[in-house]
Amino acid sequence: MKEKESEFLSRMEIHKGILFKISKIYMDNSDDQEDLFQEIIEQLWKSYDSFKNENRFSTWMYRVALNTAIVFLKKEKRKIDKYDM
């Protein structure tokens, strides 16, 4: 388990710029960007076992991050719409 964690953290450190970029593209303020960044990391860790070395890690990470950002954005939009009513 420790080996898996250290491998994951090492890969995250190398490619964290992708996560910052997606967070900044999808969220306007810094608090929301940070929340999205944490959500993406959580989703990446949950789905890390599904990563197979068929593609580059960065490609897989980008797809998971993008899908997470889209879902996160939809949830945020629903919250805003609910409060506007």
N, C-alpha and C. Protein backbone atom coordinates (compact mmCIF):
# COMPACT_ATOMS: atom_id res chain seq x y z
N MET A 1 0.82 -1.20 0.00
CA MET A 1 0.00 0.00 0.00
C MET A 1 0.87 1.26 0.00
N LYS A 2 1.91 1.27 0.79
CA LYS A 2 2.80 2.44 0.83
C LYS A 2 3.45 2.69 -0.52
N GLU A 3 3.79 1.62 -1.20
CA GLU A 3 4.42 1.76 -2.52
C GLU A 3 3.45 2.41 -3.50
N LYS A 4 2.19 2.00 -3.44
CA LYS A 4 1.16 2.57 -4.31
C LYS A 4 0.98 4.05 -4.00
N GLU A 5 0.94 4.41 -2.73
CA GLU A 5 0.77 5.80 -2.34
C GLU A 5 1.94 6.66 -2.80
N SER A 6 3.15 6.17 -2.59
CA SER A 6 4.31 6.96 -2.99
C SER A 6 4.40 7.09 -4.50
N GLU A 7 4.03 6.05 -5.22
CA GLU A 7 4.01 6.13 -6.69
C GLU A 7 2.98 7.17 -7.14
N PHE A 8 1.80 7.14 -6.53
CA PHE A 8 0.75 8.09 -6.86
C PHE A 8 1.20 9.52 -6.58
N LEU A 9 1.75 9.75 -5.39
CA LEU A 9 2.19 11.09 -5.01
C LEU A 9 3.32 11.58 -5.91
N SER A 10 4.20 10.70 -6.29
CA SER A 10 5.28 11.06 -7.20
C SER A 10 4.73 11.51 -8.55
N ARG A 11 3.78 10.75 -9.06
CA ARG A 11 3.18 11.11 -10.35
C ARG A 11 2.40 12.41 -10.24
N MET A 12 1.72 12.61 -9.12
CA MET A 12 0.96 13.84 -8.93
C MET A 12 1.90 15.05 -8.91
N GLU A 13 3.03 14.90 -8.25
CA GLU A 13 4.01 15.99 -8.17
C GLU A 13 4.52 16.38 -9.56
N ILE A 14 4.76 15.39 -10.37
CA ILE A 14 5.28 15.65 -11.72
C ILE A 14 4.25 16.36 -12.59
N HIS A 15 2.99 15.98 -12.46
CA HIS A 15 1.95 16.48 -13.38
C HIS A 15 0.95 17.43 -12.73
N LYS A 16 1.25 17.99 -11.57
CA LYS A 16 0.28 18.82 -10.87
C LYS A 16 -0.09 20.09 -11.64
N GLY A 17 0.76 20.50 -12.56
CA GLY A 17 0.45 21.68 -13.37
C GLY A 17 -0.83 21.51 -14.17
N ILE A 18 -1.09 20.31 -14.62
CA ILE A 18 -2.32 20.02 -15.36
C ILE A 18 -3.53 20.30 -14.48
N LEU A 19 -3.43 19.88 -13.22
CA LEU A 19 -4.56 20.05 -12.30
C LEU A 19 -4.79 21.53 -11.99
N PHE A 20 -3.71 22.29 -11.81
CA PHE A 20 -3.86 23.73 -11.57
C PHE A 20 -4.51 24.40 -12.78
N LYS A 21 -4.10 24.01 -13.95
CA LYS A 21 -4.64 24.61 -15.17
C LYS A 21 -6.14 24.34 -15.30
N ILE A 22 -6.54 23.11 -15.10
CA ILE A 22 -7.96 22.77 -15.20
C ILE A 22 -8.76 23.51 -14.12
N SER A 23 -8.23 23.56 -12.92
CA SER A 23 -8.92 24.26 -11.83
C SER A 23 -9.13 25.73 -12.17
N LYS A 24 -8.12 26.36 -12.75
CA LYS A 24 -8.22 27.78 -13.10
C LYS A 24 -9.16 28.02 -14.28
N ILE A 25 -9.21 27.08 -15.20
CA ILE A 25 -10.09 27.24 -16.36
C ILE A 25 -11.56 27.12 -15.95
N TYR A 26 -11.86 26.20 -15.05
CA TYR A 26 -13.25 25.92 -14.71
C TYR A 26 -13.81 26.74 -13.56
N MET A 27 -12.97 27.30 -12.72
CA MET A 27 -13.45 28.08 -11.58
C MET A 27 -12.82 29.47 -11.59
N ASP A 28 -13.62 30.47 -11.23
CA ASP A 28 -13.16 31.85 -11.28
C ASP A 28 -12.40 32.28 -10.03
N ASN A 29 -12.95 31.99 -8.86
CA ASN A 29 -12.28 32.49 -7.65
C ASN A 29 -11.37 31.43 -7.03
N SER A 30 -10.44 31.88 -6.25
CA SER A 30 -9.39 30.99 -5.74
C SER A 30 -9.92 29.93 -4.77
N ASP A 31 -10.95 30.23 -4.00
CA ASP A 31 -11.52 29.23 -3.10
C ASP A 31 -12.13 28.08 -3.88
N ASP A 32 -12.88 28.40 -4.92
CA ASP A 32 -13.48 27.36 -5.76
C ASP A 32 -12.40 26.57 -6.50
N GLN A 33 -11.35 27.24 -6.93
CA GLN A 33 -10.25 26.55 -7.61
C GLN A 33 -9.60 25.54 -6.67
N GLU A 34 -9.42 25.94 -5.43
CA GLU A 34 -8.81 25.05 -4.45
C GLU A 34 -9.73 23.86 -4.15
N ASP A 35 -11.03 24.13 -4.03
CA ASP A 35 -11.99 23.04 -3.80
C ASP A 35 -11.98 22.05 -4.96
N LEU A 36 -11.97 22.59 -6.17
CA LEU A 36 -11.94 21.72 -7.35
C LEU A 36 -10.65 20.93 -7.41
N PHE A 37 -9.54 21.57 -7.11
CA PHE A 37 -8.24 20.89 -7.10
C PHE A 37 -8.27 19.70 -6.15
N GLN A 38 -8.81 19.91 -4.95
CA GLN A 38 -8.91 18.82 -3.97
C GLN A 38 -9.85 17.72 -4.44
N GLU A 39 -10.94 18.10 -5.05
CA GLU A 39 -11.89 17.12 -5.57
C GLU A 39 -11.25 16.27 -6.66
N ILE A 40 -10.48 16.90 -7.52
CA ILE A 40 -9.80 16.17 -8.59
C ILE A 40 -8.80 15.17 -8.00
N ILE A 41 -8.03 15.60 -7.03
CA ILE A 41 -7.06 14.69 -6.40
C ILE A 41 -7.78 13.50 -5.75
N GLU A 42 -8.89 13.78 -5.09
CA GLU A 42 -9.66 12.70 -4.47
C GLU A 42 -10.15 11.70 -5.52
N GLN A 43 -10.68 12.21 -6.62
CA GLN A 43 -11.17 11.33 -7.68
C GLN A 43 -10.04 10.54 -8.34
N LEU A 44 -8.90 11.19 -8.50
CA LEU A 44 -7.75 10.49 -9.08
C LEU A 44 -7.31 9.34 -8.17
N TRP A 45 -7.29 9.59 -6.87
CA TRP A 45 -6.88 8.54 -5.94
C TRP A 45 -7.89 7.39 -5.94
N LYS A 46 -9.19 7.72 -5.95
CA LYS A 46 -10.22 6.69 -5.95
C LYS A 46 -10.14 5.82 -7.20
N SER A 47 -9.78 6.42 -8.31
CA SER A 47 -9.76 5.67 -9.57
C SER A 47 -8.36 5.23 -9.99
N TYR A 48 -7.39 5.41 -9.12
CA TYR A 48 -6.00 5.08 -9.46
C TYR A 48 -5.83 3.60 -9.81
N ASP A 49 -6.59 2.74 -9.18
CA ASP A 49 -6.50 1.31 -9.49
C ASP A 49 -6.95 1.00 -10.91
N SER A 50 -7.78 1.88 -11.48
CA SER A 50 -8.25 1.64 -12.84
C SER A 50 -7.23 2.07 -13.90
N PHE A 51 -6.18 2.79 -13.47
CA PHE A 51 -5.16 3.20 -14.43
C PHE A 51 -4.35 1.99 -14.88
N LYS A 52 -4.34 1.82 -16.17
CA LYS A 52 -3.54 0.75 -16.77
C LYS A 52 -2.51 1.44 -17.66
N ASN A 53 -1.34 0.94 -17.69
CA ASN A 53 -0.25 1.60 -18.41
C ASN A 53 -0.40 1.54 -19.93
N GLU A 54 -1.64 1.47 -20.41
CA GLU A 54 -1.87 1.47 -21.85
C GLU A 54 -1.64 2.87 -22.43
N ASN A 55 -1.97 3.89 -21.64
CA ASN A 55 -1.76 5.28 -22.04
C ASN A 55 -0.77 5.91 -21.07
N ARG A 56 -0.34 7.11 -21.41
CA ARG A 56 0.52 7.84 -20.48
C ARG A 56 -0.30 8.24 -19.27
N PHE A 57 0.36 8.32 -18.13
CA PHE A 57 -0.32 8.71 -16.91
C PHE A 57 -0.94 10.09 -17.05
N SER A 58 -0.23 11.01 -17.66
CA SER A 58 -0.73 12.38 -17.79
C SER A 58 -2.02 12.44 -18.61
N THR A 59 -2.14 11.58 -19.60
CA THR A 59 -3.36 11.54 -20.41
C THR A 59 -4.53 11.05 -19.58
N TRP A 60 -4.31 9.96 -18.85
CA TRP A 60 -5.35 9.41 -17.98
C TRP A 60 -5.74 10.44 -16.92
N MET A 61 -4.75 11.08 -16.31
CA MET A 61 -5.00 12.06 -15.26
C MET A 61 -5.80 13.24 -15.81
N TYR A 62 -5.46 13.69 -17.00
CA TYR A 62 -6.17 14.81 -17.62
C TYR A 62 -7.64 14.46 -17.84
N ARG A 63 -7.91 13.26 -18.31
CA ARG A 63 -9.30 12.86 -18.57
C ARG A 63 -10.11 12.79 -17.28
N VAL A 64 -9.52 12.20 -16.24
CA VAL A 64 -10.21 12.13 -14.95
C VAL A 64 -10.44 13.55 -14.41
N ALA A 65 -9.44 14.39 -14.49
CA ALA A 65 -9.53 15.76 -13.98
C ALA A 65 -10.59 16.55 -14.75
N LEU A 66 -10.62 16.40 -16.04
CA LEU A 66 -11.59 17.11 -16.86
C LEU A 66 -13.01 16.66 -16.53
N ASN A 67 -13.23 15.37 -16.44
CA ASN A 67 -14.56 14.86 -16.10
C ASN A 67 -14.98 15.32 -14.70
N THR A 68 -14.07 15.32 -13.77
CA THR A 68 -14.36 15.78 -12.41
C THR A 68 -14.72 17.27 -12.42
N ALA A 69 -13.99 18.05 -13.18
CA ALA A 69 -14.25 19.49 -13.27
C ALA A 69 -15.63 19.76 -13.85
N ILE A 70 -16.02 19.01 -14.85
CA ILE A 70 -17.33 19.20 -15.47
C ILE A 70 -18.44 18.89 -14.48
N VAL A 71 -18.31 17.78 -13.76
CA VAL A 71 -19.31 17.41 -12.75
C VAL A 71 -19.35 18.46 -11.64
N PHE A 72 -18.18 18.90 -11.20
CA PHE A 72 -18.09 19.91 -10.15
C PHE A 72 -18.76 21.21 -10.59
N LEU A 73 -18.53 21.61 -11.81
CA LEU A 73 -19.12 22.84 -12.35
C LEU A 73 -20.64 22.73 -12.40
N LYS A 74 -21.14 21.58 -12.81
CA LYS A 74 -22.60 21.38 -12.85
C LYS A 74 -23.20 21.46 -11.46
N LYS A 75 -22.52 20.89 -10.46
CA LYS A 75 -23.01 20.95 -9.07
C LYS A 75 -23.04 22.40 -8.59
N GLU A 76 -21.99 23.14 -8.90
CA GLU A 76 -21.92 24.54 -8.49
C GLU A 76 -23.03 25.36 -9.17
N LYS A 77 -23.29 25.07 -10.43
CA LYS A 77 -24.32 25.79 -11.16
C LYS A 77 -25.70 25.51 -10.54
N ARG A 78 -25.93 24.25 -10.14
CA ARG A 78 -27.20 23.93 -9.50
C ARG A 78 -27.37 24.68 -8.19
N LYS A 79 -26.29 24.82 -7.43
CA LYS A 79 -26.36 25.57 -6.17
C LYS A 79 -26.72 27.02 -6.44
N ILE A 80 -26.11 27.62 -7.44
CA ILE A 80 -26.37 29.02 -7.77
C ILE A 80 -27.81 29.19 -8.24
N ASP A 81 -28.27 28.29 -9.12
CA ASP A 81 -29.65 28.37 -9.63
C ASP A 81 -30.65 28.22 -8.50
N LYS A 82 -30.36 27.37 -7.56
CA LYS A 82 -31.26 27.13 -6.43
C LYS A 82 -31.37 28.39 -5.57
N TYR A 83 -30.24 29.08 -5.35
CA TYR A 83 -30.27 30.29 -4.53
C TYR A 83 -30.85 31.48 -5.26
N ASP A 84 -30.79 31.49 -6.57
CA ASP A 84 -31.36 32.60 -7.34
C ASP A 84 -32.88 32.59 -7.29
N MET A 85 -33.46 31.42 -7.12
CA MET A 85 -34.92 31.32 -7.07
C MET A 85 -35.39 31.87 -5.76
